[in-house]
N, C-alpha and C. Protein backbone atom coordinates (compact mmCIF):
# COMPACT_ATOMS: atom_id res chain seq x y z
N UNK A 1 -1.75 16.10 -15.49
CA UNK A 1 -2.90 15.61 -16.24
C UNK A 1 -2.57 14.31 -16.96
N UNK A 2 -1.32 14.10 -17.31
CA UNK A 2 -0.96 12.90 -18.05
C UNK A 2 -1.21 11.63 -17.24
N UNK A 3 -1.20 11.75 -15.90
CA UNK A 3 -1.47 10.58 -15.07
C UNK A 3 -2.87 10.04 -15.24
N UNK A 4 -3.84 10.91 -15.35
CA UNK A 4 -5.23 10.47 -15.48
C UNK A 4 -5.48 9.85 -16.85
N UNK A 5 -4.74 10.28 -17.87
CA UNK A 5 -4.95 9.73 -19.21
C UNK A 5 -4.46 8.29 -19.32
N UNK A 6 -3.61 7.87 -18.41
CA UNK A 6 -3.09 6.50 -18.44
C UNK A 6 -4.01 5.51 -17.73
N UNK A 7 -5.06 6.01 -17.09
CA UNK A 7 -5.95 5.16 -16.30
C UNK A 7 -7.27 4.97 -17.03
N UNK A 8 -7.75 3.74 -17.05
CA UNK A 8 -9.07 3.48 -17.64
C UNK A 8 -10.15 3.81 -16.61
N UNK A 9 -11.37 4.09 -17.05
CA UNK A 9 -12.45 4.36 -16.10
C UNK A 9 -12.65 3.19 -15.13
N UNK A 10 -12.55 1.98 -15.65
CA UNK A 10 -12.73 0.79 -14.81
C UNK A 10 -11.65 0.70 -13.74
N UNK A 11 -10.40 0.91 -14.13
CA UNK A 11 -9.29 0.86 -13.16
C UNK A 11 -9.41 1.98 -12.13
N UNK A 12 -9.85 3.15 -12.57
CA UNK A 12 -10.04 4.28 -11.66
C UNK A 12 -11.06 3.92 -10.57
N UNK A 13 -12.22 3.41 -10.98
CA UNK A 13 -13.27 3.06 -10.01
C UNK A 13 -12.84 1.91 -9.10
N UNK A 14 -12.12 0.95 -9.65
CA UNK A 14 -11.61 -0.15 -8.83
C UNK A 14 -10.60 0.36 -7.80
N UNK A 15 -9.77 1.32 -8.19
CA UNK A 15 -8.82 1.91 -7.26
C UNK A 15 -9.50 2.66 -6.13
N UNK A 16 -10.55 3.40 -6.47
CA UNK A 16 -11.32 4.11 -5.44
C UNK A 16 -11.95 3.09 -4.49
N UNK A 17 -12.53 2.03 -5.04
CA UNK A 17 -13.17 1.01 -4.21
C UNK A 17 -12.15 0.32 -3.29
N UNK A 18 -10.98 0.04 -3.82
CA UNK A 18 -9.95 -0.63 -3.02
C UNK A 18 -9.46 0.25 -1.87
N UNK A 19 -9.30 1.55 -2.16
CA UNK A 19 -8.75 2.45 -1.15
C UNK A 19 -9.80 3.01 -0.19
N UNK A 20 -11.00 3.26 -0.71
CA UNK A 20 -12.02 3.93 0.10
C UNK A 20 -13.29 3.13 0.32
N UNK A 21 -13.40 1.99 -0.35
CA UNK A 21 -14.58 1.14 -0.20
C UNK A 21 -15.57 1.28 -1.35
N UNK A 22 -16.41 0.27 -1.49
CA UNK A 22 -17.38 0.23 -2.59
C UNK A 22 -18.37 1.39 -2.53
N UNK A 23 -18.82 1.75 -1.34
CA UNK A 23 -19.79 2.84 -1.23
C UNK A 23 -19.19 4.15 -1.75
N UNK A 24 -17.95 4.42 -1.41
CA UNK A 24 -17.29 5.63 -1.90
C UNK A 24 -17.13 5.59 -3.41
N UNK A 25 -16.79 4.43 -3.95
CA UNK A 25 -16.66 4.30 -5.41
C UNK A 25 -18.00 4.56 -6.09
N UNK A 26 -19.08 4.06 -5.50
CA UNK A 26 -20.41 4.30 -6.05
C UNK A 26 -20.75 5.79 -6.02
N UNK A 27 -20.40 6.45 -4.93
CA UNK A 27 -20.67 7.89 -4.83
C UNK A 27 -19.87 8.69 -5.85
N UNK A 28 -18.60 8.34 -6.03
CA UNK A 28 -17.75 9.02 -7.03
C UNK A 28 -18.32 8.76 -8.43
N UNK A 29 -18.74 7.54 -8.68
CA UNK A 29 -19.31 7.18 -9.97
C UNK A 29 -20.55 8.04 -10.27
N UNK A 30 -21.41 8.18 -9.28
CA UNK A 30 -22.63 8.97 -9.47
C UNK A 30 -22.33 10.47 -9.57
N UNK A 31 -21.50 10.97 -8.68
CA UNK A 31 -21.23 12.41 -8.63
C UNK A 31 -20.51 12.92 -9.88
N UNK A 32 -19.62 12.11 -10.44
CA UNK A 32 -18.82 12.56 -11.57
C UNK A 32 -19.25 11.94 -12.90
N UNK A 33 -20.29 11.13 -12.87
CA UNK A 33 -20.78 10.53 -14.11
C UNK A 33 -19.80 9.57 -14.75
N UNK A 34 -19.08 8.84 -13.92
CA UNK A 34 -18.07 7.89 -14.42
C UNK A 34 -18.65 6.49 -14.38
N UNK A 35 -18.50 5.76 -15.47
CA UNK A 35 -18.91 4.36 -15.50
C UNK A 35 -17.77 3.54 -16.09
N UNK A 36 -17.67 2.26 -15.71
CA UNK A 36 -16.53 1.44 -16.13
C UNK A 36 -16.27 1.40 -17.63
N UNK A 37 -17.30 1.37 -18.45
CA UNK A 37 -17.09 1.24 -19.88
C UNK A 37 -17.24 2.52 -20.68
N UNK A 38 -17.21 3.65 -20.01
CA UNK A 38 -17.45 4.92 -20.70
C UNK A 38 -16.32 5.28 -21.65
N UNK A 39 -16.59 6.18 -22.57
CA UNK A 39 -15.61 6.67 -23.53
C UNK A 39 -14.42 7.28 -22.78
N UNK A 40 -13.23 6.93 -23.20
CA UNK A 40 -12.01 7.37 -22.53
C UNK A 40 -11.88 8.91 -22.54
N UNK A 41 -12.25 9.56 -23.62
CA UNK A 41 -12.15 11.02 -23.69
C UNK A 41 -13.11 11.70 -22.72
N UNK A 42 -14.28 11.15 -22.59
CA UNK A 42 -15.25 11.71 -21.64
C UNK A 42 -14.75 11.47 -20.21
N UNK A 43 -14.16 10.30 -19.98
CA UNK A 43 -13.62 9.99 -18.66
C UNK A 43 -12.49 10.95 -18.27
N UNK A 44 -11.64 11.31 -19.21
CA UNK A 44 -10.53 12.20 -18.90
C UNK A 44 -11.04 13.51 -18.30
N UNK A 45 -12.11 14.04 -18.86
CA UNK A 45 -12.68 15.27 -18.33
C UNK A 45 -13.22 15.06 -16.92
N UNK A 46 -13.99 13.99 -16.72
CA UNK A 46 -14.56 13.70 -15.40
C UNK A 46 -13.45 13.38 -14.39
N UNK A 47 -12.46 12.61 -14.83
CA UNK A 47 -11.35 12.25 -13.94
C UNK A 47 -10.54 13.47 -13.53
N UNK A 48 -10.30 14.35 -14.47
CA UNK A 48 -9.55 15.58 -14.16
C UNK A 48 -10.34 16.47 -13.20
N UNK A 49 -11.66 16.51 -13.36
CA UNK A 49 -12.49 17.27 -12.43
C UNK A 49 -12.41 16.68 -11.02
N UNK A 50 -12.41 15.34 -10.93
CA UNK A 50 -12.28 14.67 -9.63
C UNK A 50 -10.94 15.00 -8.99
N UNK A 51 -9.87 14.93 -9.78
CA UNK A 51 -8.53 15.25 -9.26
C UNK A 51 -8.51 16.68 -8.74
N UNK A 52 -9.05 17.60 -9.51
CA UNK A 52 -9.09 19.00 -9.08
C UNK A 52 -9.87 19.18 -7.79
N UNK A 53 -10.98 18.50 -7.68
CA UNK A 53 -11.76 18.60 -6.45
C UNK A 53 -11.01 18.04 -5.25
N UNK A 54 -10.34 16.92 -5.44
CA UNK A 54 -9.59 16.31 -4.34
C UNK A 54 -8.42 17.20 -3.93
N UNK A 55 -7.68 17.70 -4.90
CA UNK A 55 -6.49 18.49 -4.60
C UNK A 55 -6.85 19.86 -4.03
N UNK A 56 -7.77 20.56 -4.66
CA UNK A 56 -8.04 21.94 -4.27
C UNK A 56 -9.15 22.07 -3.23
N UNK A 57 -10.29 21.44 -3.44
CA UNK A 57 -11.39 21.57 -2.49
C UNK A 57 -11.11 20.85 -1.18
N UNK A 58 -10.42 19.73 -1.25
CA UNK A 58 -10.11 18.99 -0.04
C UNK A 58 -9.28 19.79 0.94
N UNK A 59 -8.24 20.42 0.43
CA UNK A 59 -7.36 21.22 1.29
C UNK A 59 -8.07 22.47 1.80
N UNK A 60 -8.86 23.09 0.94
CA UNK A 60 -9.61 24.27 1.36
C UNK A 60 -10.55 23.91 2.50
N UNK A 61 -11.20 22.78 2.39
CA UNK A 61 -12.11 22.33 3.43
C UNK A 61 -11.37 22.16 4.76
N UNK A 62 -10.20 21.53 4.72
CA UNK A 62 -9.41 21.36 5.96
C UNK A 62 -8.99 22.68 6.56
N UNK A 63 -8.56 23.61 5.72
CA UNK A 63 -8.14 24.92 6.22
C UNK A 63 -9.30 25.63 6.92
N UNK A 64 -10.47 25.57 6.32
CA UNK A 64 -11.65 26.21 6.90
C UNK A 64 -12.02 25.54 8.22
N UNK A 65 -11.90 24.23 8.29
CA UNK A 65 -12.23 23.51 9.52
C UNK A 65 -11.27 23.87 10.66
N UNK A 66 -10.03 24.16 10.35
CA UNK A 66 -9.03 24.48 11.36
C UNK A 66 -9.12 25.94 11.83
N UNK A 67 -9.76 26.77 11.07
CA UNK A 67 -9.81 28.20 11.39
C UNK A 67 -10.74 28.49 12.55
């Protein structure tokens, strides 16, 4: 969790855009309620939820697809 606290909302969205494209960054922004200038404490909750979804739901989805 300490990794997400070191990242600003703006840097997080820019990283998503750089790695996955602007459209993906826009979708993440909308789905998780993240905006570049949002309160850092509110972002930590949204960012941690995103990390959890990527780590846990992503792998579950792959496992189900392979079954």
